[in-house]
Amino acid sequence: MVIEDPDRPAMQETETIGVFEPGTFIESQVDWNLLTKVFLYTLGSYLLSIVATIIIMIPLLGLGLVDLFATTPEGLFKPWAMLILTFSSLTFLAGPLYYVKKYGLNSKSIGIRDFSKPLNYALGLIFGAAMLGGNILFSWLITDFFQIPVQEDITLIAADIYELVAWIIVMFVIVGFTEEVLFRGFLQRRMEMYFKGRGDGSNAPLKALLITSFIFGVIHLDIIGLATRFMLGMFLGYLAQKTNYSVVGPTIAHGLNNAIVVILLYI
């Protein structure tokens, strides 16, 4: 008798969002204790990104690419400086990867899978376009309807076409990917498993979606933009749910939205 490989797609659970993984631990339930650890790993990843930003900024200060004594916002970051600081987002992977190693899972359990499915890319493009439309609508409501002044994020304005191309790549490969692994593939997935295990049934996906989207908005530390980022988090979280928590679609959508914003700021 031959035992099938548990990593084969046919062996994945179809009625729940859990995925069979190799090793001694099969993540089929998430209780409060485990969810608390997930929250702590998420917070730890975020705090690490702050530390990484400070560490990266030190040589940038020495090179004159960052001027803490600048009298204008434009003078604070020289060309390429903010883009280089964005690499601190790689620490968002620290918590999820530590969790995976600790519990004997693999990368599939945090959404790093299904890269060969064309539907994920198509949905990513569709949701990315919808997010951009929602982004524009919310910006209009904030500035024109509610009369709240909003300044453009000048730190994202590329100095030339080369920096623009680099920003576009970074938005997909680093910003989009790392944030989607942390917030959708890792946090939201386990939060939904927790609510389902608690007996919340059909309400579990919505609860996980709302809470994760709120956390996603808060960590950007922008009170005025909180509603917009909450809305974007809802789009991304819903897409993650519909693709069984693969981060491919959400990464494409996230990267597309951010990349178009950078392009619009440039032109």
Protein backbone atom coordinates (compact mmCIF):
# COMPACT_ATOMS: atom_id res chain seq x y z
CA MET A 1 0.00 0.00 0.00
CA VAL A 2 1.38 3.40 -1.01
CA ILE A 3 0.67 6.42 1.19
CA GLU A 4 0.10 9.56 -0.85
CA ASP A 5 2.19 12.65 -0.33
CA PRO A 6 0.26 14.99 2.02
CA ASP A 7 1.57 18.00 0.10
CA ARG A 8 -0.36 17.04 -3.02
CA PRO A 9 -3.26 19.42 -3.75
CA ALA A 10 -5.72 16.53 -3.70
CA MET A 11 -4.89 15.91 -0.07
CA GLN A 12 -5.69 19.45 1.02
CA GLU A 13 -8.80 20.06 3.06
CA THR A 14 -11.64 21.43 0.96
CA GLU A 15 -14.17 22.33 3.65
CA THR A 16 -11.87 24.35 5.88
CA ILE A 17 -9.00 26.73 5.37
CA GLY A 18 -6.47 24.43 7.01
CA VAL A 19 -3.83 22.67 4.92
CA PHE A 20 -2.25 19.32 5.75
CA GLU A 21 1.44 19.84 6.39
CA PRO A 22 4.37 17.44 6.76
CA GLY A 23 5.88 16.82 10.17
CA THR A 24 4.45 15.97 13.57
CA PHE A 25 2.15 18.98 13.87
CA ILE A 26 -0.98 19.33 11.74
CA GLU A 27 -2.55 22.72 12.24
CA SER A 28 -6.25 21.92 12.30
CA GLN A 29 -7.35 24.12 15.20
CA VAL A 30 -6.35 27.43 16.72
CA ASP A 31 -7.26 27.99 20.37
CA TRP A 32 -6.93 31.22 22.33
CA ASN A 33 -3.41 30.42 23.56
CA LEU A 34 -2.17 29.80 20.03
CA LEU A 35 -3.96 32.87 18.68
CA THR A 36 -2.31 34.97 21.39
CA LYS A 37 1.08 33.76 20.16
CA VAL A 38 0.07 34.63 16.61
CA PHE A 39 -0.78 38.17 17.75
CA LEU A 40 2.56 38.43 19.56
CA TYR A 41 4.51 37.19 16.54
CA THR A 42 2.66 39.72 14.38
CA LEU A 43 3.45 42.52 16.81
CA GLY A 44 7.04 41.34 17.04
CA SER A 45 7.41 41.45 13.26
CA TYR A 46 6.07 44.99 13.22
CA LEU A 47 8.44 46.12 15.99
CA LEU A 48 11.34 44.48 14.17
CA SER A 49 10.50 46.56 11.11
CA ILE A 50 10.88 49.72 13.21
CA VAL A 51 14.25 48.53 14.51
CA ALA A 52 15.33 47.62 10.97
CA THR A 53 14.29 51.07 9.74
CA ILE A 54 16.48 52.72 12.38
CA ILE A 55 19.43 50.46 11.56
CA ILE A 56 19.14 51.11 7.82
CA MET A 57 18.76 54.84 8.42
CA ILE A 58 22.12 55.13 10.20
CA PRO A 59 24.29 54.66 7.07
CA LEU A 60 21.81 56.75 5.05
CA LEU A 61 22.39 59.61 7.49
CA GLY A 62 26.13 59.20 7.06
CA LEU A 63 25.77 59.30 3.28
CA GLY A 64 23.59 62.39 3.44
CA LEU A 65 20.57 60.62 1.97
CA VAL A 66 18.50 61.47 5.05
CA ASP A 67 18.56 64.92 6.64
CA LEU A 68 16.85 65.00 10.03
CA PHE A 69 17.38 68.77 10.24
CA ALA A 70 15.66 69.55 6.95
CA THR A 71 13.28 72.50 7.13
CA THR A 72 10.92 71.10 4.50
CA PRO A 73 9.40 67.62 4.06
CA GLU A 74 11.00 67.44 0.62
CA GLY A 75 14.45 67.78 2.16
CA LEU A 76 14.06 64.98 4.69
CA PHE A 77 14.60 62.11 2.27
CA LYS A 78 16.89 62.38 -0.73
CA PRO A 79 16.23 60.30 -3.89
CA TRP A 80 16.31 56.53 -3.26
CA ALA A 81 16.46 56.94 0.53
CA MET A 82 12.83 56.07 1.25
CA LEU A 83 12.96 53.20 -1.21
CA ILE A 84 15.98 51.75 0.59
CA LEU A 85 14.20 52.11 3.94
CA THR A 86 11.32 50.07 2.53
CA PHE A 87 13.52 46.97 2.73
CA SER A 88 12.82 47.00 6.47
CA SER A 89 9.46 45.45 5.53
CA LEU A 90 11.28 42.15 5.04
CA THR A 91 11.14 41.73 8.82
CA PHE A 92 7.37 41.23 8.47
CA LEU A 93 8.28 37.67 7.49
CA ALA A 94 10.12 37.02 10.76
CA GLY A 95 7.08 36.13 12.88
CA PRO A 96 5.37 33.89 10.31
CA LEU A 97 8.59 32.06 9.45
CA TYR A 98 9.43 31.52 13.13
CA TYR A 99 5.93 30.15 13.70
CA VAL A 100 6.28 27.81 10.72
CA LYS A 101 9.60 26.47 11.98
CA LYS A 102 8.44 26.13 15.58
CA TYR A 103 5.37 24.07 14.73
CA GLY A 104 6.87 21.95 11.97
CA LEU A 105 4.85 23.49 9.16
CA ASN A 106 5.97 24.70 5.76
CA SER A 107 5.44 27.85 3.76
CA LYS A 108 2.07 26.69 2.44
CA SER A 109 0.58 27.23 5.88
CA ILE A 110 1.23 30.98 5.62
CA GLY A 111 -0.13 31.31 2.11
CA ILE A 112 3.06 30.95 0.07
CA ARG A 113 1.62 28.59 -2.54
CA ASP A 114 -0.45 28.29 -5.72
CA PHE A 115 1.91 30.41 -7.80
CA SER A 116 1.05 28.42 -10.92
CA LYS A 117 -2.69 29.15 -10.87
CA PRO A 118 -3.55 31.82 -13.49
CA LEU A 119 -6.82 32.59 -11.70
CA ASN A 120 -4.92 33.98 -8.71
CA TYR A 121 -3.13 36.49 -10.93
CA ALA A 122 -6.33 37.44 -12.75
CA LEU A 123 -8.19 38.00 -9.49
CA GLY A 124 -5.25 39.99 -8.18
CA LEU A 125 -5.45 42.37 -11.14
CA ILE A 126 -9.24 42.70 -10.85
CA PHE A 127 -9.15 43.36 -7.12
CA GLY A 128 -6.19 45.70 -7.53
CA ALA A 129 -8.17 47.81 -9.99
CA ALA A 130 -11.17 47.79 -7.64
CA MET A 131 -8.94 48.83 -4.74
CA LEU A 132 -7.57 51.73 -6.75
CA GLY A 133 -11.11 52.88 -7.50
CA GLY A 134 -12.02 52.64 -3.83
CA ASN A 135 -8.82 54.46 -2.91
CA ILE A 136 -9.71 57.35 -5.21
CA LEU A 137 -13.29 57.44 -3.90
CA PHE A 138 -12.20 57.54 -0.26
CA SER A 139 -9.62 60.23 -1.01
CA TRP A 140 -12.33 62.33 -2.66
CA LEU A 141 -14.69 61.85 0.29
CA ILE A 142 -12.01 62.86 2.78
CA THR A 143 -10.75 65.94 0.91
CA ASP A 144 -13.85 67.26 -0.88
CA PHE A 145 -16.84 65.97 1.08
CA PHE A 146 -15.48 66.10 4.63
CA GLN A 147 -13.09 68.97 3.83
CA ILE A 148 -10.13 67.31 5.55
CA PRO A 149 -6.82 68.48 4.06
CA VAL A 150 -4.63 65.59 2.92
CA GLN A 151 -1.05 66.04 1.78
CA GLU A 152 0.49 63.88 -0.90
CA ASP A 153 3.01 61.36 0.37
CA ILE A 154 6.06 63.05 -1.08
CA THR A 155 8.32 60.27 0.20
CA LEU A 156 6.91 58.08 -2.58
CA ILE A 157 7.66 60.53 -5.39
CA ALA A 158 10.40 59.07 -7.59
CA ALA A 159 13.20 61.39 -8.66
CA ASP A 160 13.61 59.78 -12.09
CA ILE A 161 12.38 56.90 -14.23
CA TYR A 162 14.92 54.50 -12.71
CA GLU A 163 13.70 55.11 -9.19
CA LEU A 164 10.11 54.82 -10.43
CA VAL A 165 10.78 51.37 -11.90
CA ALA A 166 12.51 50.35 -8.67
CA TRP A 167 9.50 51.56 -6.65
CA ILE A 168 7.12 49.52 -8.81
CA ILE A 169 9.20 46.36 -8.30
CA VAL A 170 9.50 46.97 -4.56
CA MET A 171 5.73 47.47 -4.20
CA PHE A 172 5.10 43.99 -5.57
CA VAL A 173 8.11 41.98 -4.41
CA ILE A 174 8.69 43.46 -0.95
CA VAL A 175 5.82 45.61 0.33
CA GLY A 176 2.92 43.66 -1.16
CA PHE A 177 4.36 40.21 -0.54
CA THR A 178 5.58 40.70 3.03
CA GLU A 179 2.45 42.49 4.24
CA GLU A 180 0.16 39.89 2.69
CA VAL A 181 2.07 36.99 4.25
CA LEU A 182 1.93 38.64 7.68
CA PHE A 183 -1.62 39.96 7.70
CA ARG A 184 -3.54 37.61 5.43
CA GLY A 185 -1.59 34.35 5.15
CA PHE A 186 -0.56 34.33 8.81
CA LEU A 187 -2.79 36.47 11.04
CA GLN A 188 -6.19 36.51 9.33
CA ARG A 189 -6.09 32.83 8.43
CA ARG A 190 -5.51 31.78 12.03
CA MET A 191 -8.00 34.26 13.39
CA GLU A 192 -10.65 32.73 11.15
CA MET A 193 -9.65 29.25 12.31
CA TYR A 194 -9.99 30.43 15.91
CA PHE A 195 -13.49 31.84 15.41
CA LYS A 196 -14.58 28.69 13.56
CA GLY A 197 -13.22 26.49 16.33
CA ARG A 198 -15.10 28.59 18.86
CA GLY A 199 -18.34 27.80 17.09
CA ASP A 200 -18.95 31.11 15.31
CA GLY A 201 -19.67 29.25 12.08
CA SER A 202 -20.57 31.46 9.13
CA ASN A 203 -19.67 34.62 11.06
CA ALA A 204 -16.04 33.55 11.50
CA PRO A 205 -14.76 34.80 8.12
CA LEU A 206 -16.36 38.23 8.57
CA LYS A 207 -15.03 38.65 12.11
CA ALA A 208 -11.51 37.71 11.05
CA LEU A 209 -11.76 40.01 8.03
CA LEU A 210 -12.94 43.03 10.03
CA ILE A 211 -10.40 42.68 12.85
CA THR A 212 -7.43 42.04 10.56
CA SER A 213 -8.38 44.94 8.28
CA PHE A 214 -8.57 47.27 11.28
CA ILE A 215 -5.15 46.14 12.52
CA PHE A 216 -3.79 46.57 9.00
CA GLY A 217 -5.07 50.14 8.95
CA VAL A 218 -3.76 51.00 12.40
CA ILE A 219 -0.17 49.83 11.83
CA HIS A 220 0.27 52.40 9.06
CA LEU A 221 0.05 55.12 11.76
CA ASP A 222 -2.08 57.47 9.67
CA ILE A 223 -5.29 58.59 11.39
CA ILE A 224 -6.63 60.41 8.33
CA GLY A 225 -5.86 57.45 6.08
CA LEU A 226 -7.19 54.83 8.51
CA ALA A 227 -10.55 54.47 6.76
CA THR A 228 -8.88 54.11 3.37
CA ARG A 229 -6.45 51.45 4.56
CA PHE A 230 -9.23 49.62 6.38
CA MET A 231 -11.13 49.49 3.10
CA LEU A 232 -8.04 48.23 1.26
CA GLY A 233 -7.56 45.60 3.96
CA MET A 234 -11.15 44.44 3.42
CA PHE A 235 -10.50 43.98 -0.30
CA LEU A 236 -7.26 42.09 0.31
CA GLY A 237 -8.65 39.95 3.12
CA TYR A 238 -11.74 38.99 1.13
CA LEU A 239 -9.58 38.01 -1.84
CA ALA A 240 -7.40 35.90 0.46
CA GLN A 241 -10.48 34.09 1.75
CA LYS A 242 -11.75 33.40 -1.75
CA THR A 243 -8.40 31.91 -2.81
CA ASN A 244 -8.06 29.65 0.26
CA TYR A 245 -5.55 32.05 1.80
CA SER A 246 -2.97 31.94 -0.95
CA VAL A 247 -1.11 35.26 -0.87
CA VAL A 248 -0.56 35.34 -4.64
CA GLY A 249 -3.75 37.20 -5.52
CA PRO A 250 -3.57 39.65 -2.60
CA THR A 251 0.10 40.36 -3.34
CA ILE A 252 -0.71 41.22 -6.96
CA ALA A 253 -3.66 43.41 -5.90
CA HIS A 254 -1.66 45.14 -3.16
CA GLY A 255 1.33 45.73 -5.40
CA LEU A 256 -0.80 47.00 -8.29
CA ASN A 257 -2.63 49.52 -6.11
CA ASN A 258 0.60 50.83 -4.59
CA ALA A 259 2.46 50.87 -7.90
CA ILE A 260 -0.23 52.92 -9.64
CA VAL A 261 -0.24 55.38 -6.74
CA VAL A 262 3.53 55.80 -7.16
CA ILE A 263 3.12 56.27 -10.92
CA LEU A 264 0.41 58.90 -10.44
CA LEU A 265 2.60 60.79 -7.97
CA TYR A 266 5.47 60.71 -10.45
CA ILE A 267 3.52 62.10 -13.40
